[in-house]
Amino acid sequence: VQLVESGGGLVQAGGSLRLSCTASGSIRYIDEMAWHRQAPGKERELIAAATSHYDAKVDSVEGRFTVWRDDRKRTVYLQIRNAKPVDKAVYYCRANVSTYSTDWTTYWGQGTQVTVSS
């Protein structure tokens, strides 16, 4: 199973950016797909998650970030609006996946850098 993120880059403060993460491989089911971020000098933190039935975000990004998934494409998205310098981080995708040969396993993407210029 592989998770491939895309969409990171440089965005001006107040601007918008959309991140995508697509899962591939011999996947049977995908449960939760989530976004984490790790700012310089800080620990990785969970910021948003989505299943087929619900989505949720932490309070610090509520109102600015939107998370949703397209199960047909096995893709989870993160829309960042009104970007702030505090959003500068490496954004990681995570998925809980079961395959035809393994039980539920957590997979991570390689990360995509988001930089916010002021």
Protein backbone atom coordinates (compact mmCIF):
# COMPACT_ATOMS: atom_id res chain seq x y z
CA VAL A 1 0.00 0.00 0.00
CA GLN A 2 1.27 3.46 -0.88
CA LEU A 3 0.00 6.88 0.03
CA VAL A 4 1.07 9.67 -2.30
CA GLU A 5 0.48 13.29 -1.33
CA SER A 6 0.44 16.24 -3.69
CA GLY A 7 -0.49 19.90 -3.74
CA GLY A 8 1.98 21.36 -1.29
CA GLY A 9 4.03 24.43 -2.04
CA LEU A 10 4.30 28.12 -1.35
CA VAL A 11 1.18 30.13 -0.60
CA GLN A 12 0.80 33.74 0.45
CA ALA A 13 -0.77 34.55 3.79
CA GLY A 14 -4.51 34.72 3.25
CA GLY A 15 -4.32 32.44 0.24
CA SER A 16 -5.63 28.92 -0.39
CA LEU A 17 -4.09 25.56 -1.12
CA ARG A 18 -5.51 22.09 -1.70
CA LEU A 19 -3.65 18.96 -0.68
CA SER A 20 -4.49 15.50 -2.01
CA CYS A 21 -3.52 12.04 -0.86
CA THR A 22 -4.26 8.93 -2.89
CA ALA A 23 -3.96 5.37 -1.66
CA SER A 24 -2.95 2.57 -4.00
CA GLY A 25 -2.19 -1.14 -3.75
CA SER A 26 -4.11 -4.32 -2.99
CA ILE A 27 -6.58 -2.55 -0.76
CA ARG A 28 -9.67 -4.21 0.54
CA TYR A 29 -11.02 -1.52 2.85
CA ILE A 30 -9.95 1.93 3.95
CA ASP A 31 -11.22 3.10 7.31
CA GLU A 32 -10.04 6.48 8.52
CA MET A 33 -7.94 8.78 6.33
CA ALA A 34 -6.33 11.69 8.11
CA TRP A 35 -4.01 14.64 7.82
CA HIS A 36 -1.25 15.39 10.29
CA ARG A 37 1.28 18.18 10.19
CA GLN A 38 4.68 18.77 11.72
CA ALA A 39 5.95 22.30 12.08
CA PRO A 40 9.67 22.99 12.54
CA GLY A 41 10.77 22.04 16.04
CA LYS A 42 7.37 20.64 16.97
CA GLU A 43 5.79 17.21 17.22
CA ARG A 44 3.54 15.83 14.53
CA GLU A 45 -0.10 16.64 15.26
CA LEU A 46 -3.41 15.38 13.96
CA ILE A 47 -5.44 18.14 12.32
CA ALA A 48 -8.24 16.48 10.35
CA ALA A 49 -9.71 13.07 9.64
CA ALA A 50 -12.45 11.54 7.51
CA THR A 51 -14.21 8.22 7.16
CA SER A 52 -17.02 7.31 4.82
CA HIS A 53 -19.47 8.59 7.41
CA TYR A 54 -17.96 11.61 9.10
CA ASP A 55 -15.17 14.13 9.07
CA ALA A 56 -13.62 16.13 11.87
CA LYS A 57 -11.02 18.82 12.44
CA VAL A 58 -9.18 20.14 15.43
CA ASP A 59 -10.31 23.48 16.82
CA SER A 60 -7.16 25.29 15.70
CA VAL A 61 -8.05 24.86 12.00
CA GLU A 62 -11.86 24.91 12.25
CA GLY A 63 -13.34 27.42 9.86
CA ARG A 64 -10.24 27.54 7.63
CA PHE A 65 -9.55 23.90 6.73
CA THR A 66 -11.92 21.46 5.08
CA VAL A 67 -11.35 17.71 4.82
CA TRP A 68 -13.25 15.29 2.61
CA ARG A 69 -12.66 12.07 0.75
CA ASP A 70 -13.62 10.45 -2.53
CA ASP A 71 -13.85 6.73 -1.86
CA ARG A 72 -14.02 5.86 -5.55
CA LYS A 73 -10.66 7.53 -6.04
CA ARG A 74 -9.32 6.40 -2.65
CA THR A 75 -8.33 9.99 -2.09
CA VAL A 76 -8.55 12.35 0.84
CA TYR A 77 -8.32 16.11 0.39
CA LEU A 78 -7.41 19.01 2.65
CA GLN A 79 -8.43 22.49 1.59
CA ILE A 80 -6.53 25.25 3.35
CA ARG A 81 -8.11 28.70 3.24
CA ASN A 82 -6.89 31.98 4.71
CA ALA A 83 -3.44 30.45 5.17
CA LYS A 84 -1.42 31.76 8.10
CA PRO A 85 2.31 31.60 8.83
CA VAL A 86 1.49 29.15 11.65
CA ASP A 87 0.31 26.69 8.96
CA LYS A 88 3.86 26.28 7.67
CA ALA A 89 4.65 22.60 8.15
CA VAL A 90 5.16 19.27 6.48
CA TYR A 91 1.73 17.74 5.97
CA TYR A 92 1.42 13.97 6.20
CA CYS A 93 -1.40 11.75 5.09
CA ARG A 94 -2.34 8.67 7.14
CA ALA A 95 -4.71 5.85 6.32
CA ASN A 96 -5.92 2.78 8.21
CA VAL A 97 -6.11 0.05 5.61
CA SER A 98 -6.89 -3.64 5.38
CA THR A 99 -5.65 -5.57 2.38
CA TYR A 100 -6.44 -9.00 1.01
CA SER A 101 -3.39 -10.37 2.85
CA THR A 102 -3.10 -8.22 5.98
CA ASP A 103 -5.25 -7.01 8.81
CA TRP A 104 -5.77 -3.34 9.63
CA THR A 105 -2.50 -1.45 9.25
CA THR A 106 -1.62 2.22 9.46
CA TYR A 107 0.20 3.69 6.48
CA TRP A 108 1.82 7.11 6.07
CA GLY A 109 2.62 9.23 3.08
CA GLN A 110 6.01 10.78 2.52
CA GLY A 111 4.84 14.27 3.44
CA THR A 112 4.37 17.46 1.47
CA GLN A 113 5.78 20.84 2.47
CA VAL A 114 3.50 23.83 2.89
CA THR A 115 5.16 27.22 3.26
CA VAL A 116 3.22 30.41 3.96
CA SER A 117 4.78 33.73 3.02
CA SER A 118 3.76 36.82 4.93
